[in-house]
Each structure stands twice: as C-alpha cells, then as structure tokens.
Amino acid sequence: MKKGDIVIIVSVALAFVASIVLLVSFSKQGNRVVIKQDNKIIYDDGIVINNTVKTEHNTITIKNGKVYMSHSDCKNQICVGSGKIEKKGESIVCLPNKVTVEIK
C-alpha cells in the first residue's frame, strides 16, 4: 500500500462519517409547527417560515427555525419560560389556556 492509497482511504472514511453525522443531525430537526387550542389544530406550517400566531390568550413566535411562546396571559408563565424549541418531538404547553405547540 502506498502513501496515496492511505490518504484516499482516510478521506473516504472521513467523508462517510461526516455524512452520517449530518444525516443524524438533520433527522432530529423538525420541519413543521403544529399549534392546537382545545385539541383543535389552529396552525400547521413549516418551521422555516417566520410567523406570529395569536390566540385569544397566547402569542407564539416562529423565527429562524425556532418556536417559542412570546406571550401568555396565564398566571404561572411556565409556557413563556419554556424557551425555544426546534427539534422533532419538542413541545410547549400552556395548560390554563389549553394551547400546545409541537415540532413535527
């Protein structure tokens, strides 16, 4: 085996590992935001679309591939303090106002 052969084998192996890492990271990334109120879908669209969704009691902001509850009139504010979500399966719930936000 020559030095050039080793370089080619290592390069191919690194490319393979890099592609696996990218595939895994993109598979965890969600691509849709589903917002429900009283268990009824009120919003279902892409996560890459910047938007603000307002319900009677809550404001949900979708910006730069992340989603967060920017306002709620509920007493405990747990939903607002939940932070930003972006991965498949993550969710924000406002129990007093019966609003759920989920990444699919």
PDB file of N, CA and C in Angstrom:
ATOM      1  N   MET A   1       0.837  -1.168   0.000  1.00  0.00           N
ATOM      2  CA  MET A   1       0.000   0.000   0.000  1.00  0.00           C
ATOM      3  C   MET A   1       0.890   1.242   0.000  1.00  0.00           C
ATOM      4  N   LYS A   2       0.554   2.165  -0.857  1.00  0.00           N
ATOM      5  CA  LYS A   2       1.335   3.390  -0.971  1.00  0.00           C
ATOM      6  C   LYS A   2       0.713   4.496  -0.123  1.00  0.00           C
ATOM      7  N   LYS A   3       1.481   5.551   0.066  1.00  0.00           N
ATOM      8  CA  LYS A   3       1.040   6.693   0.863  1.00  0.00           C
ATOM      9  C   LYS A   3      -0.248   7.304   0.283  1.00  0.00           C
ATOM     10  N   GLY A   4      -0.335   7.388  -1.027  1.00  0.00           N
ATOM     11  CA  GLY A   4      -1.522   7.943  -1.689  1.00  0.00           C
ATOM     12  C   GLY A   4      -2.761   7.100  -1.426  1.00  0.00           C
ATOM     13  N   ASP A   5      -2.607   5.769  -1.364  1.00  0.00           N
ATOM     14  CA  ASP A   5      -3.725   4.874  -1.079  1.00  0.00           C
ATOM     15  C   ASP A   5      -4.284   5.124   0.326  1.00  0.00           C
ATOM     16  N   ILE A   6      -3.378   5.318   1.271  1.00  0.00           N
ATOM     17  CA  ILE A   6      -3.796   5.577   2.652  1.00  0.00           C
ATOM     18  C   ILE A   6      -4.558   6.895   2.738  1.00  0.00           C
ATOM     19  N   VAL A   7      -4.084   7.905   2.035  1.00  0.00           N
ATOM     20  CA  VAL A   7      -4.755   9.219   2.028  1.00  0.00           C
ATOM     21  C   VAL A   7      -6.166   9.079   1.461  1.00  0.00           C
ATOM     22  N   ILE A   8      -6.315   8.318   0.400  1.00  0.00           N
ATOM     23  CA  ILE A   8      -7.637   8.128  -0.216  1.00  0.00           C
ATOM     24  C   ILE A   8      -8.561   7.374   0.739  1.00  0.00           C
ATOM     25  N   ILE A   9      -8.074   6.321   1.368  1.00  0.00           N
ATOM     26  CA  ILE A   9      -8.901   5.538   2.293  1.00  0.00           C
ATOM     27  C   ILE A   9      -9.348   6.389   3.477  1.00  0.00           C
ATOM     28  N   VAL A  10      -8.439   7.157   4.045  1.00  0.00           N
ATOM     29  CA  VAL A  10      -8.781   8.023   5.177  1.00  0.00           C
ATOM     30  C   VAL A  10      -9.786   9.093   4.743  1.00  0.00           C
ATOM     31  N   SER A  11      -9.615   9.667   3.566  1.00  0.00           N
ATOM     32  CA  SER A  11     -10.535  10.694   3.059  1.00  0.00           C
ATOM     33  C   SER A  11     -11.938  10.137   2.871  1.00  0.00           C
ATOM     34  N   VAL A  12     -12.029   8.949   2.308  1.00  0.00           N
ATOM     35  CA  VAL A  12     -13.339   8.326   2.106  1.00  0.00           C
ATOM     36  C   VAL A  12     -13.987   8.015   3.454  1.00  0.00           C
ATOM     37  N   ALA A  13     -13.209   7.517   4.394  1.00  0.00           N
ATOM     38  CA  ALA A  13     -13.746   7.208   5.715  1.00  0.00           C
ATOM     39  C   ALA A  13     -14.248   8.474   6.416  1.00  0.00           C
ATOM     40  N   LEU A  14     -13.500   9.555   6.325  1.00  0.00           N
ATOM     41  CA  LEU A  14     -13.930  10.821   6.934  1.00  0.00           C
ATOM     42  C   LEU A  14     -15.195  11.359   6.274  1.00  0.00           C
ATOM     43  N   ALA A  15     -15.286  11.249   4.965  1.00  0.00           N
ATOM     44  CA  ALA A  15     -16.488  11.698   4.253  1.00  0.00           C
ATOM     45  C   ALA A  15     -17.701  10.878   4.681  1.00  0.00           C
ATOM     46  N   PHE A  16     -17.502   9.583   4.860  1.00  0.00           N
ATOM     47  CA  PHE A  16     -18.589   8.712   5.299  1.00  0.00           C
ATOM     48  C   PHE A  16     -19.068   9.109   6.701  1.00  0.00           C
ATOM     49  N   VAL A  17     -18.154   9.306   7.614  1.00  0.00           N
ATOM     50  CA  VAL A  17     -18.506   9.689   8.978  1.00  0.00           C
ATOM     51  C   VAL A  17     -19.203  11.050   8.992  1.00  0.00           C
ATOM     52  N   ALA A  18     -18.707  11.985   8.210  1.00  0.00           N
ATOM     53  CA  ALA A  18     -19.325  13.316   8.142  1.00  0.00           C
ATOM     54  C   ALA A  18     -20.759  13.230   7.615  1.00  0.00           C
ATOM     55  N   SER A  19     -20.993  12.396   6.613  1.00  0.00           N
ATOM     56  CA  SER A  19     -22.344  12.263   6.062  1.00  0.00           C
ATOM     57  C   SER A  19     -23.294  11.633   7.076  1.00  0.00           C
ATOM     58  N   ILE A  20     -22.815  10.680   7.865  1.00  0.00           N
ATOM     59  CA  ILE A  20     -23.650  10.069   8.907  1.00  0.00           C
ATOM     60  C   ILE A  20     -24.011  11.105   9.972  1.00  0.00           C
ATOM     61  N   VAL A  21     -23.033  11.903  10.386  1.00  0.00           N
ATOM     62  CA  VAL A  21     -23.282  12.941  11.396  1.00  0.00           C
ATOM     63  C   VAL A  21     -24.308  13.945  10.887  1.00  0.00           C
ATOM     64  N   LEU A  22     -24.177  14.367   9.642  1.00  0.00           N
ATOM     65  CA  LEU A  22     -25.143  15.310   9.074  1.00  0.00           C
ATOM     66  C   LEU A  22     -26.531  14.695   8.978  1.00  0.00           C
ATOM     67  N   LEU A  23     -26.606  13.459   8.566  1.00  0.00           N
ATOM     68  CA  LEU A  23     -27.898  12.779   8.450  1.00  0.00           C
ATOM     69  C   LEU A  23     -28.589  12.688   9.799  1.00  0.00           C
ATOM     70  N   VAL A  24     -27.867  12.338  10.828  1.00  0.00           N
ATOM     71  CA  VAL A  24     -28.444  12.229  12.171  1.00  0.00           C
ATOM     72  C   VAL A  24     -28.898  13.594  12.671  1.00  0.00           C
ATOM     73  N   SER A  25     -28.100  14.624  12.465  1.00  0.00           N
ATOM     74  CA  SER A  25     -28.482  15.952  12.960  1.00  0.00           C
ATOM     75  C   SER A  25     -29.704  16.493  12.221  1.00  0.00           C
ATOM     76  N   PHE A  26     -29.811  16.238  10.921  1.00  0.00           N
ATOM     77  CA  PHE A  26     -30.976  16.719  10.180  1.00  0.00           C
ATOM     78  C   PHE A  26     -32.220  15.907  10.491  1.00  0.00           C
ATOM     79  N   SER A  27     -32.079  14.646  10.850  1.00  0.00           N
ATOM     80  CA  SER A  27     -33.257  13.843  11.159  1.00  0.00           C
ATOM     81  C   SER A  27     -33.891  14.282  12.472  1.00  0.00           C
ATOM     82  N   LYS A  28     -33.125  14.887  13.363  1.00  0.00           N
ATOM     83  CA  LYS A  28     -33.668  15.379  14.624  1.00  0.00           C
ATOM     84  C   LYS A  28     -34.333  16.736  14.449  1.00  0.00           C
ATOM     85  N   GLN A  29     -33.976  17.441  13.409  1.00  0.00           N
ATOM     86  CA  GLN A  29     -34.531  18.750  13.155  1.00  0.00           C
ATOM     87  C   GLN A  29     -35.960  18.611  12.639  1.00  0.00           C
ATOM     88  N   GLY A  30     -36.892  19.252  13.311  1.00  0.00           N
ATOM     89  CA  GLY A  30     -38.275  19.212  12.854  1.00  0.00           C
ATOM     90  C   GLY A  30     -38.473  20.142  11.676  1.00  0.00           C
ATOM     91  N   ASN A  31     -39.556  19.930  10.941  1.00  0.00           N
ATOM     92  CA  ASN A  31     -39.805  20.797   9.800  1.00  0.00           C
ATOM     93  C   ASN A  31     -41.196  21.431   9.819  1.00  0.00           C
ATOM     94  N   ARG A  32     -42.021  21.071  10.818  1.00  0.00           N
ATOM     95  CA  ARG A  32     -43.358  21.636  10.894  1.00  0.00           C
ATOM     96  C   ARG A  32     -43.677  22.046  12.330  1.00  0.00           C
ATOM     97  N   VAL A  33     -44.506  23.066  12.438  1.00  0.00           N
ATOM     98  CA  VAL A  33     -45.009  23.524  13.728  1.00  0.00           C
ATOM     99  C   VAL A  33     -46.516  23.271  13.737  1.00  0.00           C
ATOM    100  N   VAL A  34     -46.975  22.566  14.755  1.00  0.00           N
ATOM    101  CA  VAL A  34     -48.409  22.324  14.900  1.00  0.00           C
ATOM    102  C   VAL A  34     -48.855  22.956  16.215  1.00  0.00           C
ATOM    103  N   ILE A  35     -49.804  23.870  16.108  1.00  0.00           N
ATOM    104  CA  ILE A  35     -50.347  24.549  17.285  1.00  0.00           C
ATOM    105  C   ILE A  35     -51.804  24.135  17.434  1.00  0.00           C
ATOM    106  N   LYS A  36     -52.130  23.695  18.640  1.00  0.00           N
ATOM    107  CA  LYS A  36     -53.502  23.287  18.923  1.00  0.00           C
ATOM    108  C   LYS A  36     -54.051  24.099  20.082  1.00  0.00           C
ATOM    109  N   GLN A  37     -55.338  24.381  20.006  1.00  0.00           N
ATOM    110  CA  GLN A  37     -56.046  25.002  21.119  1.00  0.00           C
ATOM    111  C   GLN A  37     -57.312  24.192  21.336  1.00  0.00           C
ATOM    112  N   ASP A  38     -57.537  23.785  22.568  1.00  0.00           N
ATOM    113  CA  ASP A  38     -58.656  22.895  22.895  1.00  0.00           C
ATOM    114  C   ASP A  38     -58.619  21.638  22.025  1.00  0.00           C
ATOM    115  N   ASN A  39     -57.417  21.141  21.766  1.00  0.00           N
ATOM    116  CA  ASN A  39     -57.166  19.931  20.986  1.00  0.00           C
ATOM    117  C   ASN A  39     -57.592  20.043  19.515  1.00  0.00           C
ATOM    118  N   LYS A  40     -57.762  21.265  19.022  1.00  0.00           N
ATOM    119  CA  LYS A  40     -58.074  21.504  17.613  1.00  0.00           C
ATOM    120  C   LYS A  40     -56.894  22.220  16.971  1.00  0.00           C
ATOM    121  N   ILE A  41     -56.466  21.749  15.817  1.00  0.00           N
ATOM    122  CA  ILE A  41     -55.336  22.357  15.123  1.00  0.00           C
ATOM    123  C   ILE A  41     -55.740  23.746  14.622  1.00  0.00           C
ATOM    124  N   ILE A  42     -54.962  24.743  15.053  1.00  0.00           N
ATOM    125  CA  ILE A  42     -55.224  26.108  14.590  1.00  0.00           C
ATOM    126  C   ILE A  42     -54.095  26.609  13.682  1.00  0.00           C
ATOM    127  N   TYR A  43     -52.982  25.876  13.663  1.00  0.00           N
ATOM    128  CA  TYR A  43     -51.850  26.257  12.812  1.00  0.00           C
ATOM    129  C   TYR A  43     -51.029  25.017  12.525  1.00  0.00           C
ATOM    130  N   ASP A  44     -50.670  24.820  11.258  1.00  0.00           N
ATOM    131  CA  ASP A  44     -49.817  23.704  10.849  1.00  0.00           C
ATOM    132  C   ASP A  44     -49.053  24.166   9.614  1.00  0.00           C
ATOM    133  N   ASP A  45     -47.779  24.531   9.819  1.00  0.00           N
ATOM    134  CA  ASP A  45     -46.988  25.041   8.705  1.00  0.00           C
ATOM    135  C   ASP A  45     -45.506  24.807   8.979  1.00  0.00           C
ATOM    136  N   GLY A  46     -44.680  25.173   8.017  1.00  0.00           N
ATOM    137  CA  GLY A  46     -43.246  24.948   8.111  1.00  0.00           C
ATOM    138  C   GLY A  46     -42.582  25.768   9.195  1.00  0.00           C
ATOM    139  N   ILE A  47     -41.510  25.202   9.750  1.00  0.00           N
ATOM    140  CA  ILE A  47     -40.768  25.874  10.816  1.00  0.00           C
ATOM    141  C   ILE A  47     -39.854  26.962  10.247  1.00  0.00           C
ATOM    142  N   VAL A  48     -39.580  26.921   8.965  1.00  0.00           N
ATOM    143  CA  VAL A  48     -38.675  27.908   8.373  1.00  0.00           C
ATOM    144  C   VAL A  48     -39.393  29.198   7.992  1.00  0.00           C
ATOM    145  N   ILE A  49     -40.694  29.204   8.120  1.00  0.00           N
ATOM    146  CA  ILE A  49     -41.481  30.393   7.784  1.00  0.00           C
ATOM    147  C   ILE A  49     -41.623  31.243   9.043  1.00  0.00           C
ATOM    148  N   ASN A  50     -41.044  32.442   9.037  1.00  0.00           N
ATOM    149  CA  ASN A  50     -41.180  33.340  10.187  1.00  0.00           C
ATOM    150  C   ASN A  50     -42.626  33.803  10.277  1.00  0.00           C
ATOM    151  N   ASN A  51     -43.196  33.659  11.475  1.00  0.00           N
ATOM    152  CA  ASN A  51     -44.605  33.979  11.632  1.00  0.00           C
ATOM    153  C   ASN A  51     -44.899  34.220  13.112  1.00  0.00           C
ATOM    154  N   THR A  52     -45.994  34.889  13.377  1.00  0.00           N
ATOM    155  CA  THR A  52     -46.507  35.070  14.725  1.00  0.00           C
ATOM    156  C   THR A  52     -47.948  34.594  14.719  1.00  0.00           C
ATOM    157  N   VAL A  53     -48.259  33.677  15.627  1.00  0.00           N
ATOM    158  CA  VAL A  53     -49.610  33.136  15.725  1.00  0.00           C
ATOM    159  C   VAL A  53     -50.203  33.610  17.043  1.00  0.00           C
ATOM    160  N   LYS A  54     -51.351  34.255  16.944  1.00  0.00           N
ATOM    161  CA  LYS A  54     -52.008  34.767  18.148  1.00  0.00           C
ATOM    162  C   LYS A  54     -53.300  33.998  18.381  1.00  0.00           C
ATOM    163  N   THR A  55     -53.471  33.577  19.627  1.00  0.00           N
ATOM    164  CA  THR A  55     -54.739  33.009  20.052  1.00  0.00           C
ATOM    165  C   THR A  55     -55.389  34.047  20.960  1.00  0.00           C
ATOM    166  N   GLU A  56     -56.478  33.676  21.561  1.00  0.00           N
ATOM    167  CA  GLU A  56     -57.155  34.622  22.453  1.00  0.00           C
ATOM    168  C   GLU A  56     -56.277  35.010  23.641  1.00  0.00           C
ATOM    169  N   HIS A  57     -55.431  34.059  24.100  1.00  0.00           N
ATOM    170  CA  HIS A  57     -54.645  34.288  25.305  1.00  0.00           C
ATOM    171  C   HIS A  57     -53.130  34.189  25.112  1.00  0.00           C
ATOM    172  N   ASN A  58     -52.677  33.689  23.981  1.00  0.00           N
ATOM    173  CA  ASN A  58     -51.257  33.407  23.785  1.00  0.00           C
ATOM    174  C   ASN A  58     -50.750  33.979  22.470  1.00  0.00           C
ATOM    175  N   THR A  59     -49.435  34.235  22.439  1.00  0.00           N
ATOM    176  CA  THR A  59     -48.757  34.610  21.200  1.00  0.00           C
ATOM    177  C   THR A  59     -47.574  33.666  21.028  1.00  0.00           C
ATOM    178  N   ILE A  60     -47.542  32.988  19.888  1.00  0.00           N
ATOM    179  CA  ILE A  60     -46.472  32.046  19.580  1.00  0.00           C
ATOM    180  C   ILE A  60     -45.662  32.634  18.431  1.00  0.00           C
ATOM    181  N   THR A  61     -44.335  32.692  18.611  1.00  0.00           N
ATOM    182  CA  THR A  61     -43.452  33.260  17.602  1.00  0.00           C
ATOM    183  C   THR A  61     -42.630  32.155  16.959  1.00  0.00           C
ATOM    184  N   ILE A  62     -42.611  32.159  15.627  1.00  0.00           N
ATOM    185  CA  ILE A  62     -41.802  31.226  14.841  1.00  0.00           C
ATOM    186  C   ILE A  62     -40.776  32.081  14.118  1.00  0.00           C
ATOM    187  N   LYS A  63     -39.496  31.882  14.447  1.00  0.00           N
ATOM    188  CA  LYS A  63     -38.470  32.747  13.889  1.00  0.00           C
ATOM    189  C   LYS A  63     -37.155  31.986  13.745  1.00  0.00           C
ATOM    190  N   ASN A  64     -36.585  32.030  12.559  1.00  0.00           N
ATOM    191  CA  ASN A  64     -35.281  31.419  12.274  1.00  0.00           C
ATOM    192  C   ASN A  64     -35.222  29.941  12.664  1.00  0.00           C
ATOM    193  N   GLY A  65     -36.299  29.206  12.390  1.00  0.00           N
ATOM    194  CA  GLY A  65     -36.314  27.773  12.654  1.00  0.00           C
ATOM    195  C   GLY A  65     -36.539  27.395  14.098  1.00  0.00           C
ATOM    196  N   LYS A  66     -36.904  28.362  14.934  1.00  0.00           N
ATOM    197  CA  LYS A  66     -37.170  28.093  16.349  1.00  0.00           C
ATOM    198  C   LYS A  66     -38.539  28.652  16.706  1.00  0.00           C
ATOM    199  N   VAL A  67     -39.168  28.031  17.699  1.00  0.00           N
ATOM    200  CA  VAL A  67     -40.514  28.419  18.099  1.00  0.00           C
ATOM    201  C   VAL A  67     -40.528  28.670  19.602  1.00  0.00           C
ATOM    202  N   TYR A  68     -41.222  29.720  20.012  1.00  0.00           N
ATOM    203  CA  TYR A  68     -41.354  29.996  21.440  1.00  0.00           C
ATOM    204  C   TYR A  68     -42.649  30.733  21.734  1.00  0.00           C
ATOM    205  N   MET A  69     -43.079  30.613  22.970  1.00  0.00           N
ATOM    206  CA  MET A  69     -44.275  31.308  23.428  1.00  0.00           C
ATOM    207  C   MET A  69     -43.818  32.689  23.890  1.00  0.00           C
ATOM    208  N   SER A  70     -44.130  33.703  23.124  1.00  0.00           N
ATOM    209  CA  SER A  70     -43.651  35.047  23.446  1.00  0.00           C
ATOM    210  C   SER A  70     -44.569  35.789  24.412  1.00  0.00           C
ATOM    211  N   HIS A  71     -45.826  35.342  24.525  1.00  0.00           N
ATOM    212  CA  HIS A  71     -46.746  35.990  25.473  1.00  0.00           C
ATOM    213  C   HIS A  71     -47.847  35.014  25.868  1.00  0.00           C
ATOM    214  N   SER A  72     -48.242  35.106  27.121  1.00  0.00           N
ATOM    215  CA  SER A  72     -49.404  34.376  27.610  1.00  0.00           C
ATOM    216  C   SER A  72     -49.987  35.153  28.776  1.00  0.00           C
ATOM    217  N   ASP A  73     -51.301  35.153  28.873  1.00  0.00           N
ATOM    218  CA  ASP A  73     -51.924  35.858  29.990  1.00  0.00           C
ATOM    219  C   ASP A  73     -52.180  34.936  31.184  1.00  0.00           C
ATOM    220  N   CYS A  74     -51.637  33.708  31.120  1.00  0.00           N
ATOM    221  CA  CYS A  74     -51.826  32.787  32.245  1.00  0.00           C
ATOM    222  C   CYS A  74     -51.008  33.259  33.453  1.00  0.00           C
ATOM    223  N   LYS A  75     -51.396  32.785  34.616  1.00  0.00           N
ATOM    224  CA  LYS A  75     -50.805  33.257  35.864  1.00  0.00           C
ATOM    225  C   LYS A  75     -49.369  32.768  36.064  1.00  0.00           C
ATOM    226  N   ASN A  76     -49.088  31.487  35.766  1.00  0.00           N
ATOM    227  CA  ASN A  76     -47.787  30.918  36.124  1.00  0.00           C
ATOM    228  C   ASN A  76     -46.669  31.147  35.106  1.00  0.00           C
ATOM    229  N   GLN A  77     -46.976  31.449  33.864  1.00  0.00           N
ATOM    230  CA  GLN A  77     -45.999  31.782  32.817  1.00  0.00           C
ATOM    231  C   GLN A  77     -44.973  30.670  32.538  1.00  0.00           C
ATOM    232  N   ILE A  78     -45.296  29.430  32.878  1.00  0.00           N
ATOM    233  CA  ILE A  78     -44.388  28.314  32.594  1.00  0.00           C
ATOM    234  C   ILE A  78     -44.166  28.170  31.097  1.00  0.00           C
ATOM    235  N   CYS A  79     -45.204  28.353  30.307  1.00  0.00           N
ATOM    236  CA  CYS A  79     -45.086  28.214  28.850  1.00  0.00           C
ATOM    237  C   CYS A  79     -44.138  29.266  28.266  1.00  0.00           C
ATOM    238  N   VAL A  80     -44.194  30.467  28.765  1.00  0.00           N
ATOM    239  CA  VAL A  80     -43.307  31.530  28.292  1.00  0.00           C
ATOM    240  C   VAL A  80     -41.863  31.236  28.700  1.00  0.00           C
ATOM    241  N   GLY A  81     -41.694  30.694  29.884  1.00  0.00           N
ATOM    242  CA  GLY A  81     -40.365  30.366  30.375  1.00  0.00           C
ATOM    243  C   GLY A  81     -39.778  29.085  29.806  1.00  0.00           C
ATOM    244  N   SER A  82     -40.537  28.382  28.985  1.00  0.00           N
ATOM    245  CA  SER A  82     -40.062  27.111  28.411  1.00  0.00           C
ATOM    246  C   SER A  82     -38.907  27.284  27.453  1.00  0.00           C
ATOM    247  N   GLY A  83     -38.753  28.460  26.900  1.00  0.00           N
ATOM    248  CA  GLY A  83     -37.672  28.699  25.949  1.00  0.00           C
ATOM    249  C   GLY A  83     -38.050  28.308  24.530  1.00  0.00           C
ATOM    250  N   LYS A  84     -37.038  28.245  23.676  1.00  0.00           N
ATOM    251  CA  LYS A  84     -37.246  27.967  22.257  1.00  0.00           C
ATOM    252  C   LYS A  84     -37.125  26.478  21.975  1.00  0.00           C
ATOM    253  N   ILE A  85     -37.965  26.002  21.056  1.00  0.00           N
ATOM    254  CA  ILE A  85     -37.915  24.611  20.628  1.00  0.00           C
ATOM    255  C   ILE A  85     -37.651  24.569  19.132  1.00  0.00           C
ATOM    256  N   GLU A  86     -37.004  23.470  18.676  1.00  0.00           N
ATOM    257  CA  GLU A  86     -36.696  23.353  17.250  1.00  0.00           C
ATOM    258  C   GLU A  86     -36.589  21.912  16.774  1.00  0.00           C
ATOM    259  N   LYS A  87     -36.523  20.955  17.685  1.00  0.00           N
ATOM    260  CA  LYS A  87     -36.316  19.562  17.300  1.00  0.00           C
ATOM    261  C   LYS A  87     -37.619  18.786  17.341  1.00  0.00           C
ATOM    262  N   LYS A  88     -37.687  17.768  16.478  1.00  0.00           N
ATOM    263  CA  LYS A  88     -38.842  16.895  16.398  1.00  0.00           C
ATOM    264  C   LYS A  88     -39.199  16.353  17.773  1.00  0.00           C
ATOM    265  N   GLY A  89     -40.487  16.447  18.125  1.00  0.00           N
ATOM    266  CA  GLY A  89     -40.956  15.909  19.399  1.00  0.00           C
ATOM    267  C   GLY A  89     -40.957  16.905  20.543  1.00  0.00           C
ATOM    268  N   GLU A  90     -40.266  18.024  20.406  1.00  0.00           N
ATOM    269  CA  GLU A  90     -40.277  19.030  21.467  1.00  0.00           C
ATOM    270  C   GLU A  90     -41.624  19.753  21.468  1.00  0.00           C
ATOM    271  N   SER A  91     -42.024  20.217  22.647  1.00  0.00           N
ATOM    272  CA  SER A  91     -43.313  20.902  22.727  1.00  0.00           C
ATOM    273  C   SER A  91     -43.314  21.952  23.837  1.00  0.00           C
ATOM    274  N   ILE A  92     -44.272  22.844  23.716  1.00  0.00           N
ATOM    275  CA  ILE A  92     -44.565  23.849  24.734  1.00  0.00           C
ATOM    276  C   ILE A  92     -46.054  23.701  25.033  1.00  0.00           C
ATOM    277  N   VAL A  93     -46.394  23.708  26.309  1.00  0.00           N
ATOM    278  CA  VAL A  93     -47.789  23.533  26.701  1.00  0.00           C
ATOM    279  C   VAL A  93     -48.197  24.657  27.644  1.00  0.00           C
ATOM    280  N   CYS A  94     -49.335  25.252  27.374  1.00  0.00           N
ATOM    281  CA  CYS A  94     -49.948  26.222  28.289  1.00  0.00           C
ATOM    282  C   CYS A  94     -51.246  25.580  28.781  1.00  0.00           C
ATOM    283  N   LEU A  95     -51.158  24.935  29.933  1.00  0.00           N
ATOM    284  CA  LEU A  95     -52.323  24.213  30.457  1.00  0.00           C
ATOM    285  C   LEU A  95     -53.519  25.115  30.749  1.00  0.00           C
ATOM    286  N   PRO A  96     -53.336  26.279  31.404  1.00  0.00           N
ATOM    287  CA  PRO A  96     -54.517  27.105  31.712  1.00  0.00           C
ATOM    288  C   PRO A  96     -55.297  27.535  30.458  1.00  0.00           C
ATOM    289  N   ASN A  97     -54.577  27.768  29.362  1.00  0.00           N
ATOM    290  CA  ASN A  97     -55.238  28.231  28.144  1.00  0.00           C
ATOM    291  C   ASN A  97     -55.461  27.116  27.127  1.00  0.00           C
ATOM    292  N   LYS A  98     -55.071  25.881  27.472  1.00  0.00           N
ATOM    293  CA  LYS A  98     -55.259  24.698  26.631  1.00  0.00           C
ATOM    294  C   LYS A  98     -54.634  24.866  25.251  1.00  0.00           C
ATOM    295  N   VAL A  99     -53.385  25.367  25.231  1.00  0.00           N
ATOM    296  CA  VAL A  99     -52.645  25.563  23.985  1.00  0.00           C
ATOM    297  C   VAL A  99     -51.399  24.681  24.009  1.00  0.00           C
ATOM    298  N   THR A 100     -51.182  23.956  22.906  1.00  0.00           N
ATOM    299  CA  THR A 100     -49.975  23.157  22.763  1.00  0.00           C
ATOM    300  C   THR A 100     -49.274  23.544  21.465  1.00  0.00           C
ATOM    301  N   VAL A 101     -47.948  23.560  21.531  1.00  0.00           N
ATOM    302  CA  VAL A 101     -47.117  23.837  20.361  1.00  0.00           C
ATOM    303  C   VAL A 101     -46.160  22.659  20.241  1.00  0.00           C
ATOM    304  N   GLU A 102     -46.136  22.013  19.074  1.00  0.00           N
ATOM    305  CA  GLU A 102     -45.290  20.834  18.909  1.00  0.00           C
ATOM    306  C   GLU A 102     -44.543  20.902  17.587  1.00  0.00           C
ATOM    307  N   ILE A 103     -43.291  20.440  17.630  1.00  0.00           N
ATOM    308  CA  ILE A 103     -42.486  20.327  16.422  1.00  0.00           C
ATOM    309  C   ILE A 103     -42.648  18.928  15.881  1.00  0.00           C
ATOM    310  N   LYS A 104     -42.971  18.817  14.618  1.00  0.00           N
ATOM    311  CA  LYS A 104     -43.143  17.513  13.953  1.00  0.00           C
ATOM    312  C   LYS A 104     -42.122  17.351  12.858  1.00  0.00           C
TER     313      LYS A 104
END
